[in-house]
Protein backbone atom coordinates (compact mmCIF):
# COMPACT_ATOMS: atom_id res chain seq x y z
CA UNK A 1 60.48 138.74 130.42
CA UNK A 2 62.77 137.64 127.62
CA UNK A 3 62.48 138.52 123.97
CA UNK A 4 63.06 134.91 122.80
CA UNK A 5 60.04 132.69 123.13
CA UNK A 6 59.12 129.39 121.36
CA UNK A 7 55.64 128.39 120.24
CA UNK A 8 53.36 127.02 117.54
CA UNK A 9 50.43 129.40 117.08
CA UNK A 10 47.28 127.36 116.56
CA UNK A 11 44.44 129.75 115.88
CA UNK A 12 41.21 127.88 115.19
CA UNK A 13 40.10 128.00 111.55
CA UNK A 14 37.62 130.85 111.38
CA UNK A 15 37.09 131.56 107.69
CA UNK A 16 34.07 133.84 107.43
CA UNK A 17 31.74 134.88 104.66
CA UNK A 18 32.20 138.32 103.18
CA UNK A 19 28.72 139.44 104.23
CA UNK A 20 29.22 140.38 107.89
CA UNK A 21 32.25 142.58 107.27
CA UNK A 22 30.77 145.17 109.63
CA UNK A 23 31.37 142.73 112.49
CA UNK A 24 35.05 142.65 111.59
CA UNK A 25 35.19 146.44 111.74
CA UNK A 26 33.57 146.38 115.18
CA UNK A 27 36.08 143.87 116.50
CA UNK A 28 39.00 145.86 115.17
CA UNK A 29 37.81 148.87 117.14
CA UNK A 30 39.23 147.05 120.15
CA UNK A 31 42.71 147.28 118.69
CA UNK A 32 42.29 150.88 117.68
CA UNK A 33 43.49 150.93 114.07
CA UNK A 34 39.96 151.35 112.79
CA UNK A 35 40.88 153.16 109.59
CA UNK A 36 42.90 150.16 108.44
CA UNK A 37 39.99 147.83 108.93
CA UNK A 38 37.55 150.09 107.14
CA UNK A 39 39.78 149.65 104.14
CA UNK A 40 40.22 145.94 104.83
CA UNK A 41 36.47 145.40 104.91
CA UNK A 42 36.12 147.29 101.64
CA UNK A 43 38.74 145.05 100.12
CA UNK A 44 37.01 141.93 101.40
CA UNK A 45 33.69 142.98 99.90
CA UNK A 46 34.93 144.57 96.70
CA UNK A 47 38.28 142.82 96.16
CA UNK A 48 40.06 146.19 96.20
CA UNK A 49 43.56 144.83 96.81
CA UNK A 50 45.26 148.10 95.98
CA UNK A 51 43.12 149.98 98.50
CA UNK A 52 43.90 147.40 101.19
CA UNK A 53 47.62 147.55 100.37
CA UNK A 54 47.57 151.33 100.73
CA UNK A 55 45.88 151.07 104.11
CA UNK A 56 48.52 148.63 105.33
CA UNK A 57 51.29 151.01 104.28
CA UNK A 58 49.63 154.24 105.40
CA UNK A 59 47.82 153.11 108.57
CA UNK A 60 49.02 149.81 110.01
CA UNK A 61 52.76 150.14 109.38
CA UNK A 62 52.96 153.66 110.94
CA UNK A 63 51.00 152.31 113.93
CA UNK A 64 53.60 149.57 114.41
CA UNK A 65 56.46 152.04 113.91
CA UNK A 66 55.12 154.15 116.79
CA UNK A 67 54.40 151.19 119.06
CA UNK A 68 56.44 150.33 122.15
CA UNK A 69 57.62 146.99 120.75
CA UNK A 70 61.38 146.46 120.69
CA UNK A 71 63.20 147.91 117.68
CA UNK A 72 64.18 144.52 116.23
CA UNK A 73 60.61 143.22 116.53
CA UNK A 74 59.25 146.36 114.88
CA UNK A 75 61.64 146.09 111.95
CA UNK A 76 60.81 142.44 111.28
CA UNK A 77 57.04 142.99 111.58
CA UNK A 78 57.15 146.04 109.30
CA UNK A 79 59.13 144.10 106.69
CA UNK A 80 56.49 141.35 106.73
CA UNK A 81 53.65 143.87 106.45
CA UNK A 82 55.38 145.50 103.47
CA UNK A 83 55.65 142.07 101.86
CA UNK A 84 51.95 141.42 102.49
CA UNK A 85 50.96 144.82 101.09
CA UNK A 86 52.91 144.08 97.91
CA UNK A 87 51.03 140.78 97.54
CA UNK A 88 47.75 142.66 97.99
CA UNK A 89 48.82 145.21 95.42
CA UNK A 90 49.45 142.44 92.89
CA UNK A 91 46.09 140.76 93.74
CA UNK A 92 47.97 137.57 94.69
CA UNK A 93 45.95 136.74 97.82
CA UNK A 94 42.78 134.69 97.69
CA UNK A 95 39.55 135.67 99.42
CA UNK A 96 40.16 132.98 102.05
CA UNK A 97 43.67 134.26 102.73
CA UNK A 98 42.43 137.83 103.07
CA UNK A 99 39.64 136.72 105.39
CA UNK A 100 42.02 134.79 107.65
CA UNK A 101 44.49 137.67 107.58
CA UNK A 102 41.81 140.10 108.74
CA UNK A 103 40.77 137.79 111.58
CA UNK A 104 44.34 137.23 112.81
CA UNK A 105 45.13 140.94 112.79
CA UNK A 106 41.96 141.86 114.69
CA UNK A 107 41.99 139.09 117.27
CA UNK A 108 45.70 138.81 118.01
CA UNK A 109 47.09 140.71 121.00
CA UNK A 110 50.63 140.41 119.65
CA UNK A 111 50.95 143.95 118.26
CA UNK A 112 50.05 145.38 121.69
CA UNK A 113 52.68 143.33 123.51
CA UNK A 114 55.08 146.22 124.00
CA UNK A 115 52.84 147.42 126.84
CA UNK A 116 53.27 144.13 128.71
CA UNK A 117 57.04 144.19 128.20
CA UNK A 118 57.12 147.71 129.67
CA UNK A 119 54.98 146.61 132.61
CA UNK A 120 57.45 143.84 133.35
CA UNK A 121 60.28 146.40 133.37
CA UNK A 122 58.26 148.54 135.78
CA UNK A 123 57.63 145.52 138.02
CA UNK A 124 61.33 144.60 138.11
CA UNK A 125 62.16 148.14 139.26
CA UNK A 126 59.34 148.25 141.83
CA UNK A 127 59.29 147.52 145.56
CA UNK A 128 57.90 144.03 144.97
CA UNK A 129 59.92 141.23 146.55
CA UNK A 130 62.43 139.26 144.44
CA UNK A 131 60.06 136.28 144.54
CA UNK A 132 57.16 138.40 143.30
CA UNK A 133 59.28 139.89 140.53
CA UNK A 134 60.27 136.41 139.34
CA UNK A 135 56.64 135.28 139.42
CA UNK A 136 55.54 138.42 137.57
CA UNK A 137 58.00 137.78 134.75
CA UNK A 138 56.99 134.12 134.62
CA UNK A 139 53.28 134.92 134.34
CA UNK A 140 54.05 137.49 131.61
CA UNK A 141 55.75 134.72 129.65
CA UNK A 142 52.79 132.40 130.18
CA UNK A 143 50.43 135.18 129.07
CA UNK A 144 52.50 135.66 125.92
CA UNK A 145 52.27 131.92 125.30
CA UNK A 146 48.50 132.25 125.72
CA UNK A 147 48.43 135.09 123.16
CA UNK A 148 50.58 133.16 120.70
CA UNK A 149 48.08 130.30 120.75
CA UNK A 150 45.26 132.66 119.83
CA UNK A 151 43.57 132.17 123.21
CA UNK A 152 44.07 135.71 124.52
CA UNK A 153 41.54 138.06 122.94
CA UNK A 154 41.88 141.82 122.90
CA UNK A 155 38.95 141.97 125.35
CA UNK A 156 40.88 139.72 127.73
CA UNK A 157 44.03 141.77 127.32
CA UNK A 158 42.23 145.04 128.01
CA UNK A 159 40.58 143.56 131.11
CA UNK A 160 43.88 142.13 132.34
CA UNK A 161 45.69 145.46 131.99
CA UNK A 162 42.75 147.60 133.11
CA UNK A 163 44.33 148.91 136.32
CA UNK A 164 47.86 149.35 134.95
CA UNK A 165 47.31 150.64 131.39
CA UNK A 166 45.37 153.31 129.60
CA UNK A 167 44.09 153.01 126.03
CA UNK A 168 45.03 155.98 123.88
CA UNK A 169 41.88 157.44 122.40
CA UNK A 170 43.26 158.19 118.95
CA UNK A 171 45.44 155.14 118.30
CA UNK A 172 43.87 152.52 120.58
CA UNK A 173 47.38 151.70 121.78
CA UNK A 174 47.77 150.35 125.33
CA UNK A 175 50.18 152.38 127.44
CA UNK A 176 51.29 151.86 131.08
CA UNK A 177 49.76 154.35 133.52
CA UNK A 178 51.91 156.84 135.37
CA UNK A 179 52.73 156.08 139.01
CA UNK A 180 51.78 152.38 139.00
CA UNK A 181 51.91 150.97 142.53
CA UNK A 182 53.17 147.57 143.63
CA UNK A 183 49.61 146.60 144.58
CA UNK A 184 48.37 147.47 141.09
CA UNK A 185 51.12 145.30 139.64
CA UNK A 186 50.13 142.44 141.95
CA UNK A 187 46.51 142.72 140.79
CA UNK A 188 47.65 142.63 137.16
CA UNK A 189 49.71 139.54 137.95
CA UNK A 190 46.69 137.87 139.60
CA UNK A 191 44.61 138.54 136.49
CA UNK A 192 47.28 137.15 134.19
CA UNK A 193 47.65 134.03 136.33
CA UNK A 194 43.88 133.46 136.43
CA UNK A 195 43.68 133.64 132.62
CA UNK A 196 46.74 131.45 132.17
CA UNK A 197 45.27 128.81 134.46
CA UNK A 198 41.82 129.06 132.84
CA UNK A 199 43.32 128.45 129.40
CA UNK A 200 45.58 125.71 130.80
CA UNK A 201 48.81 127.36 129.67
CA UNK A 202 51.82 125.18 130.56
CA UNK A 203 53.89 126.26 133.53
CA UNK A 204 57.15 126.19 131.63
CA UNK A 205 59.68 128.51 130.05
CA UNK A 206 58.53 130.13 126.82
CA UNK A 207 61.19 131.51 124.51
CA UNK A 208 60.23 133.23 121.29
CA UNK A 209 60.21 136.87 120.25
CA UNK A 210 57.12 138.90 119.42
CA UNK A 211 58.21 139.11 115.80
CA UNK A 212 58.70 135.34 115.55
CA UNK A 213 55.19 134.74 116.83
CA UNK A 214 53.80 137.40 114.49
CA UNK A 215 55.49 135.74 111.51
CA UNK A 216 53.97 132.38 112.39
CA UNK A 217 50.52 133.92 112.77
CA UNK A 218 50.83 135.60 109.37
CA UNK A 219 52.13 132.43 107.72
CA UNK A 220 49.13 130.55 109.03
CA UNK A 221 46.76 133.23 107.78
CA UNK A 222 48.34 133.19 104.33
CA UNK A 223 48.29 129.40 104.00
CA UNK A 224 46.39 128.54 100.83
CA UNK A 225 44.59 125.57 102.40
């Protein structure tokens, strides 16, 4: 799976009222950075931009730093999160922007993508046939395309990786299991393909990096419209 993928993220507009912030916290439990979203929900209800900015710097950025994403992707994503935290600190973001930002961060599978990249490396070094390895990489790219379009939820991602990944209890980070067999990899590939087909993801090459997709998702969230 390459690190250069092209897309146009098109998350549906999902601006929400500030009332059901507890629902947002529950969703974010799927990603595992729950402390960040406790602060985010507080900020959404009480407009505590400085508190939200602190949570981004002290919770979310360290989570990304310790993730299995490639170094270049991590650096670019962290720089963007620092920029966002500074905007929060200065109270420059509107309620709508903050709401969209919270939704994108909770629903996007992008920050967990290092696990899929590692699974592809494991597959390429496995006893799978050359044809299977090529198909595996291709379906990983399609799955990334699916995620970039906002169609792959964290629930879907956790189901897809169920037999090849574990979810760290403390961080919520997905991590490849030890001793993954070729059959487990084939099952993961079948699940990816089924989701890709269900969401009608094009069967074509997809070339954009994780950080590029993340930047587009954040730009959409921060759009003032």
